[in-house]
PDB file of N, CA and C in Angstrom:
ATOM      1  N   UNK A   1     132.244 165.633 191.641  1.00  0.00           N
ATOM      2  CA  UNK A   1     133.269 165.334 192.614  1.00  0.00           C
ATOM      3  C   UNK A   1     133.969 165.741 192.538  1.00  0.00           C
ATOM      4  N   UNK A   2     135.269 166.275 192.981  1.00  0.00           N
ATOM      5  CA  UNK A   2     137.028 166.886 192.255  1.00  0.00           C
ATOM      6  C   UNK A   2     137.606 166.036 193.526  1.00  0.00           C
ATOM      7  N   UNK A   3     138.340 165.273 192.752  1.00  0.00           N
ATOM      8  CA  UNK A   3     139.429 164.581 193.536  1.00  0.00           C
ATOM      9  C   UNK A   3     140.709 164.967 192.789  1.00  0.00           C
ATOM     10  N   UNK A   4     141.713 164.914 193.913  1.00  0.00           N
ATOM     11  CA  UNK A   4     142.747 165.913 193.738  1.00  0.00           C
ATOM     12  C   UNK A   4     144.090 164.469 194.109  1.00  0.00           C
ATOM     13  N   UNK A   5     144.959 164.227 193.257  1.00  0.00           N
ATOM     14  CA  UNK A   5     146.108 163.798 193.712  1.00  0.00           C
ATOM     15  C   UNK A   5     147.359 163.937 193.950  1.00  0.00           C
ATOM     16  N   UNK A   6     147.873 163.374 194.763  1.00  0.00           N
ATOM     17  CA  UNK A   6     149.454 163.670 195.497  1.00  0.00           C
ATOM     18  C   UNK A   6     150.198 163.034 194.436  1.00  0.00           C
ATOM     19  N   UNK A   7     151.444 163.639 193.821  1.00  0.00           N
ATOM     20  CA  UNK A   7     152.279 162.961 192.869  1.00  0.00           C
ATOM     21  C   UNK A   7     152.631 161.767 193.453  1.00  0.00           C
ATOM     22  N   UNK A   8     152.692 161.848 194.826  1.00  0.00           N
ATOM     23  CA  UNK A   8     154.112 160.378 195.111  1.00  0.00           C
ATOM     24  C   UNK A   8     153.014 160.836 196.407  1.00  0.00           C
ATOM     25  N   UNK A   9     152.764 159.271 196.960  1.00  0.00           N
ATOM     26  CA  UNK A   9     151.931 158.993 197.703  1.00  0.00           C
ATOM     27  C   UNK A   9     152.697 159.154 199.126  1.00  0.00           C
ATOM     28  N   UNK A  10     151.981 158.754 200.041  1.00  0.00           N
ATOM     29  CA  UNK A  10     152.609 158.829 201.459  1.00  0.00           C
ATOM     30  C   UNK A  10     153.137 157.380 201.493  1.00  0.00           C
ATOM     31  N   UNK A  11     153.733 157.124 203.106  1.00  0.00           N
ATOM     32  CA  UNK A  11     154.678 156.284 203.040  1.00  0.00           C
ATOM     33  C   UNK A  11     153.336 155.412 203.323  1.00  0.00           C
ATOM     34  N   UNK A  12     152.282 155.452 204.269  1.00  0.00           N
ATOM     35  CA  UNK A  12     151.190 154.722 204.520  1.00  0.00           C
ATOM     36  C   UNK A  12     150.211 154.135 203.366  1.00  0.00           C
ATOM     37  N   UNK A  13     150.565 155.378 202.313  1.00  0.00           N
ATOM     38  CA  UNK A  13     149.804 155.414 201.619  1.00  0.00           C
ATOM     39  C   UNK A  13     150.587 153.922 200.213  1.00  0.00           C
ATOM     40  N   UNK A  14     151.646 154.309 200.231  1.00  0.00           N
ATOM     41  CA  UNK A  14     152.315 152.860 199.464  1.00  0.00           C
ATOM     42  C   UNK A  14     152.036 151.650 199.830  1.00  0.00           C
ATOM     43  N   UNK A  15     151.946 151.746 201.017  1.00  0.00           N
ATOM     44  CA  UNK A  15     152.183 150.134 202.290  1.00  0.00           C
ATOM     45  C   UNK A  15     150.629 149.671 201.737  1.00  0.00           C
ATOM     46  N   UNK A  16     149.616 150.601 201.967  1.00  0.00           N
ATOM     47  CA  UNK A  16     148.303 150.339 200.915  1.00  0.00           C
ATOM     48  C   UNK A  16     148.327 150.113 200.213  1.00  0.00           C
ATOM     49  N   UNK A  17     148.468 151.137 198.660  1.00  0.00           N
ATOM     50  CA  UNK A  17     148.213 150.739 197.387  1.00  0.00           C
ATOM     51  C   UNK A  17     149.347 149.239 197.049  1.00  0.00           C
ATOM     52  N   UNK A  18     150.417 148.739 197.656  1.00  0.00           N
ATOM     53  CA  UNK A  18     151.183 147.945 197.221  1.00  0.00           C
ATOM     54  C   UNK A  18     150.191 146.679 197.695  1.00  0.00           C
ATOM     55  N   UNK A  19     149.617 146.770 199.026  1.00  0.00           N
ATOM     56  CA  UNK A  19     148.702 145.576 199.754  1.00  0.00           C
ATOM     57  C   UNK A  19     147.836 145.164 198.699  1.00  0.00           C
ATOM     58  N   UNK A  20     147.174 146.172 198.306  1.00  0.00           N
ATOM     59  CA  UNK A  20     146.008 145.915 197.385  1.00  0.00           C
ATOM     60  C   UNK A  20     146.782 145.290 195.890  1.00  0.00           C
ATOM     61  N   UNK A  21     147.661 146.207 195.684  1.00  0.00           N
ATOM     62  CA  UNK A  21     148.372 145.651 194.200  1.00  0.00           C
ATOM     63  C   UNK A  21     148.291 143.932 194.402  1.00  0.00           C
ATOM     64  N   UNK A  22     149.100 143.644 195.694  1.00  0.00           N
ATOM     65  CA  UNK A  22     149.167 142.076 195.759  1.00  0.00           C
ATOM     66  C   UNK A  22     148.227 141.510 195.899  1.00  0.00           C
ATOM     67  N   UNK A  23     147.064 142.307 196.967  1.00  0.00           N
ATOM     68  CA  UNK A  23     145.834 141.148 196.441  1.00  0.00           C
ATOM     69  C   UNK A  23     144.925 140.629 195.031  1.00  0.00           C
ATOM     70  N   UNK A  24     144.977 141.955 194.793  1.00  0.00           N
ATOM     71  CA  UNK A  24     144.146 141.969 193.292  1.00  0.00           C
ATOM     72  C   UNK A  24     145.133 141.090 192.381  1.00  0.00           C
ATOM     73  N   UNK A  25     146.467 141.180 192.322  1.00  0.00           N
ATOM     74  CA  UNK A  25     147.251 140.174 191.894  1.00  0.00           C
ATOM     75  C   UNK A  25     147.469 138.252 191.921  1.00  0.00           C
ATOM     76  N   UNK A  26     147.039 138.332 193.023  1.00  0.00           N
ATOM     77  CA  UNK A  26     146.103 137.039 193.827  1.00  0.00           C
ATOM     78  C   UNK A  26     145.085 136.318 193.236  1.00  0.00           C
ATOM     79  N   UNK A  27     144.152 137.073 193.616  1.00  0.00           N
ATOM     80  CA  UNK A  27     142.889 136.889 193.115  1.00  0.00           C
ATOM     81  C   UNK A  27     143.093 136.783 191.862  1.00  0.00           C
ATOM     82  N   UNK A  28     143.036 137.432 190.779  1.00  0.00           N
ATOM     83  CA  UNK A  28     143.136 136.905 189.441  1.00  0.00           C
ATOM     84  C   UNK A  28     144.166 135.886 188.764  1.00  0.00           C
ATOM     85  N   UNK A  29     145.005 135.774 189.606  1.00  0.00           N
ATOM     86  CA  UNK A  29     145.732 134.327 188.984  1.00  0.00           C
ATOM     87  C   UNK A  29     145.215 133.110 189.885  1.00  0.00           C
ATOM     88  N   UNK A  30     144.823 133.214 191.202  1.00  0.00           N
ATOM     89  CA  UNK A  30     143.236 132.109 191.470  1.00  0.00           C
ATOM     90  C   UNK A  30     141.973 131.910 190.115  1.00  0.00           C
ATOM     91  N   UNK A  31     141.444 132.978 190.012  1.00  0.00           N
ATOM     92  CA  UNK A  31     140.820 132.841 188.822  1.00  0.00           C
ATOM     93  C   UNK A  31     141.356 131.948 187.527  1.00  0.00           C
ATOM     94  N   UNK A  32     142.508 132.477 187.183  1.00  0.00           N
ATOM     95  CA  UNK A  32     142.787 131.925 185.806  1.00  0.00           C
ATOM     96  C   UNK A  32     142.884 130.411 185.988  1.00  0.00           C
ATOM     97  N   UNK A  33     143.469 130.259 187.608  1.00  0.00           N
ATOM     98  CA  UNK A  33     143.802 128.492 187.420  1.00  0.00           C
ATOM     99  C   UNK A  33     142.593 127.820 187.543  1.00  0.00           C
ATOM    100  N   UNK A  34     141.276 128.622 188.385  1.00  0.00           N
ATOM    101  CA  UNK A  34     140.229 128.053 188.079  1.00  0.00           C
ATOM    102  C   UNK A  34     139.139 128.010 186.640  1.00  0.00           C
ATOM    103  N   UNK A  35     139.840 128.661 186.126  1.00  0.00           N
ATOM    104  CA  UNK A  35     138.993 129.325 184.629  1.00  0.00           C
ATOM    105  C   UNK A  35     138.007 130.494 184.886  1.00  0.00           C
ATOM    106  N   UNK A  36     137.804 130.900 185.585  1.00  0.00           N
ATOM    107  CA  UNK A  36     136.685 131.938 186.008  1.00  0.00           C
ATOM    108  C   UNK A  36     137.342 133.201 185.160  1.00  0.00           C
ATOM    109  N   UNK A  37     136.313 133.993 184.642  1.00  0.00           N
ATOM    110  CA  UNK A  37     136.391 135.069 184.089  1.00  0.00           C
ATOM    111  C   UNK A  37     136.928 136.535 185.383  1.00  0.00           C
ATOM    112  N   UNK A  38     137.228 137.587 185.013  1.00  0.00           N
ATOM    113  CA  UNK A  38     137.424 138.586 185.669  1.00  0.00           C
ATOM    114  C   UNK A  38     136.723 139.690 185.100  1.00  0.00           C
ATOM    115  N   UNK A  39     136.660 140.994 185.726  1.00  0.00           N
ATOM    116  CA  UNK A  39     136.225 142.035 185.631  1.00  0.00           C
ATOM    117  C   UNK A  39     137.319 143.385 185.963  1.00  0.00           C
ATOM    118  N   UNK A  40     137.611 143.628 184.867  1.00  0.00           N
ATOM    119  CA  UNK A  40     138.878 145.098 185.037  1.00  0.00           C
ATOM    120  C   UNK A  40     138.111 146.438 184.904  1.00  0.00           C
ATOM    121  N   UNK A  41     138.950 147.202 185.044  1.00  0.00           N
ATOM    122  CA  UNK A  41     138.053 148.744 184.469  1.00  0.00           C
ATOM    123  C   UNK A  41     139.452 148.887 183.550  1.00  0.00           C
ATOM    124  N   UNK A  42     138.384 149.304 182.061  1.00  0.00           N
ATOM    125  CA  UNK A  42     139.656 149.531 180.908  1.00  0.00           C
ATOM    126  C   UNK A  42     138.941 150.809 180.056  1.00  0.00           C
ATOM    127  N   UNK A  43     139.483 151.675 179.938  1.00  0.00           N
ATOM    128  CA  UNK A  43     139.503 152.706 178.991  1.00  0.00           C
ATOM    129  C   UNK A  43     137.906 153.733 179.941  1.00  0.00           C
ATOM    130  N   UNK A  44     137.859 153.895 181.322  1.00  0.00           N
ATOM    131  CA  UNK A  44     136.494 154.484 181.706  1.00  0.00           C
ATOM    132  C   UNK A  44     135.260 153.147 181.390  1.00  0.00           C
ATOM    133  N   UNK A  45     135.395 152.031 181.295  1.00  0.00           N
ATOM    134  CA  UNK A  45     134.544 151.117 181.489  1.00  0.00           C
ATOM    135  C   UNK A  45     134.785 149.805 181.910  1.00  0.00           C
ATOM    136  N   UNK A  46     133.758 149.098 182.525  1.00  0.00           N
ATOM    137  CA  UNK A  46     134.272 147.697 183.042  1.00  0.00           C
ATOM    138  C   UNK A  46     134.638 146.865 181.608  1.00  0.00           C
ATOM    139  N   UNK A  47     135.494 145.743 181.906  1.00  0.00           N
ATOM    140  CA  UNK A  47     135.561 145.011 180.867  1.00  0.00           C
ATOM    141  C   UNK A  47     135.724 143.481 181.255  1.00  0.00           C
ATOM    142  N   UNK A  48     134.861 142.627 180.568  1.00  0.00           N
ATOM    143  CA  UNK A  48     135.118 141.200 181.040  1.00  0.00           C
ATOM    144  C   UNK A  48     135.632 140.605 180.030  1.00  0.00           C
ATOM    145  N   UNK A  49     136.827 140.027 181.527  1.00  0.00           N
ATOM    146  CA  UNK A  49     138.007 139.321 180.006  1.00  0.00           C
ATOM    147  C   UNK A  49     138.190 137.425 180.561  1.00  0.00           C
ATOM    148  N   UNK A  50     138.533 137.082 180.144  1.00  0.00           N
ATOM    149  CA  UNK A  50     138.186 135.194 179.617  1.00  0.00           C
ATOM    150  C   UNK A  50     139.246 134.997 180.472  1.00  0.00           C
ATOM    151  N   UNK A  51     139.788 133.808 181.183  1.00  0.00           N
ATOM    152  CA  UNK A  51     141.120 133.277 181.636  1.00  0.00           C
ATOM    153  C   UNK A  51     141.694 133.216 180.736  1.00  0.00           C
ATOM    154  N   UNK A  52     141.663 132.734 179.854  1.00  0.00           N
ATOM    155  CA  UNK A  52     143.166 132.776 178.774  1.00  0.00           C
ATOM    156  C   UNK A  52     143.750 133.929 178.389  1.00  0.00           C
ATOM    157  N   UNK A  53     142.628 134.829 178.227  1.00  0.00           N
ATOM    158  CA  UNK A  53     143.459 136.747 178.413  1.00  0.00           C
ATOM    159  C   UNK A  53     142.999 137.343 179.294  1.00  0.00           C
ATOM    160  N   UNK A  54     143.801 136.802 180.622  1.00  0.00           N
ATOM    161  CA  UNK A  54     143.814 137.579 182.004  1.00  0.00           C
ATOM    162  C   UNK A  54     145.541 137.078 181.987  1.00  0.00           C
ATOM    163  N   UNK A  55     145.914 138.502 182.924  1.00  0.00           N
ATOM    164  CA  UNK A  55     147.685 138.067 182.503  1.00  0.00           C
ATOM    165  C   UNK A  55     147.404 139.142 184.020  1.00  0.00           C
ATOM    166  N   UNK A  56     148.989 138.976 184.546  1.00  0.00           N
ATOM    167  CA  UNK A  56     149.585 139.956 186.169  1.00  0.00           C
ATOM    168  C   UNK A  56     149.422 141.380 185.440  1.00  0.00           C
ATOM    169  N   UNK A  57     148.592 142.247 186.247  1.00  0.00           N
ATOM    170  CA  UNK A  57     148.360 143.674 185.832  1.00  0.00           C
ATOM    171  C   UNK A  57     149.425 144.117 187.404  1.00  0.00           C
ATOM    172  N   UNK A  58     149.860 145.365 187.086  1.00  0.00           N
ATOM    173  CA  UNK A  58     150.014 146.021 188.007  1.00  0.00           C
ATOM    174  C   UNK A  58     149.928 147.542 187.343  1.00  0.00           C
ATOM    175  N   UNK A  59     149.638 148.403 188.510  1.00  0.00           N
ATOM    176  CA  UNK A  59     149.550 149.974 188.339  1.00  0.00           C
ATOM    177  C   UNK A  59     148.449 150.677 188.490  1.00  0.00           C
ATOM    178  N   UNK A  60     148.113 151.640 187.900  1.00  0.00           N
ATOM    179  CA  UNK A  60     146.738 152.394 187.966  1.00  0.00           C
ATOM    180  C   UNK A  60     145.451 151.466 187.117  1.00  0.00           C
ATOM    181  N   UNK A  61     144.470 151.629 188.481  1.00  0.00           N
ATOM    182  CA  UNK A  61     143.045 150.843 188.358  1.00  0.00           C
ATOM    183  C   UNK A  61     142.454 151.427 186.717  1.00  0.00           C
ATOM    184  N   UNK A  62     142.532 152.748 186.709  1.00  0.00           N
ATOM    185  CA  UNK A  62     141.319 152.900 185.456  1.00  0.00           C
ATOM    186  C   UNK A  62     142.274 153.134 183.981  1.00  0.00           C
ATOM    187  N   UNK A  63     143.367 152.345 183.890  1.00  0.00           N
ATOM    188  CA  UNK A  63     144.420 152.245 183.186  1.00  0.00           C
ATOM    189  C   UNK A  63     144.322 150.614 182.272  1.00  0.00           C
ATOM    190  N   UNK A  64     143.259 149.940 182.772  1.00  0.00           N
ATOM    191  CA  UNK A  64     143.254 148.708 182.412  1.00  0.00           C
ATOM    192  C   UNK A  64     144.039 147.787 183.693  1.00  0.00           C
ATOM    193  N   UNK A  65     143.565 147.973 185.006  1.00  0.00           N
ATOM    194  CA  UNK A  65     144.168 146.853 185.706  1.00  0.00           C
ATOM    195  C   UNK A  65     142.860 146.866 186.614  1.00  0.00           C
ATOM    196  N   UNK A  66     142.564 145.500 186.999  1.00  0.00           N
ATOM    197  CA  UNK A  66     141.789 144.793 187.707  1.00  0.00           C
ATOM    198  C   UNK A  66     140.937 145.370 188.737  1.00  0.00           C
ATOM    199  N   UNK A  67     139.903 145.281 188.744  1.00  0.00           N
ATOM    200  CA  UNK A  67     138.854 145.637 189.940  1.00  0.00           C
ATOM    201  C   UNK A  67     138.377 144.939 190.980  1.00  0.00           C
TER     202      UNK A  67
END
């Protein structure tokens, strides 16, 4: 599978990305408040993190952000 990425997403792409990042941030905060674990993608592998390890993440999913 070949995936090509533009250096800068379109206006619609930016809106979608911002919406997804906001939703993930809210869910991670909720999981932390409830004392639940979360699964993130880090270094090409899924990783389970405990509630006390969770922190607000932003950026690209393959660099350690929530999935």
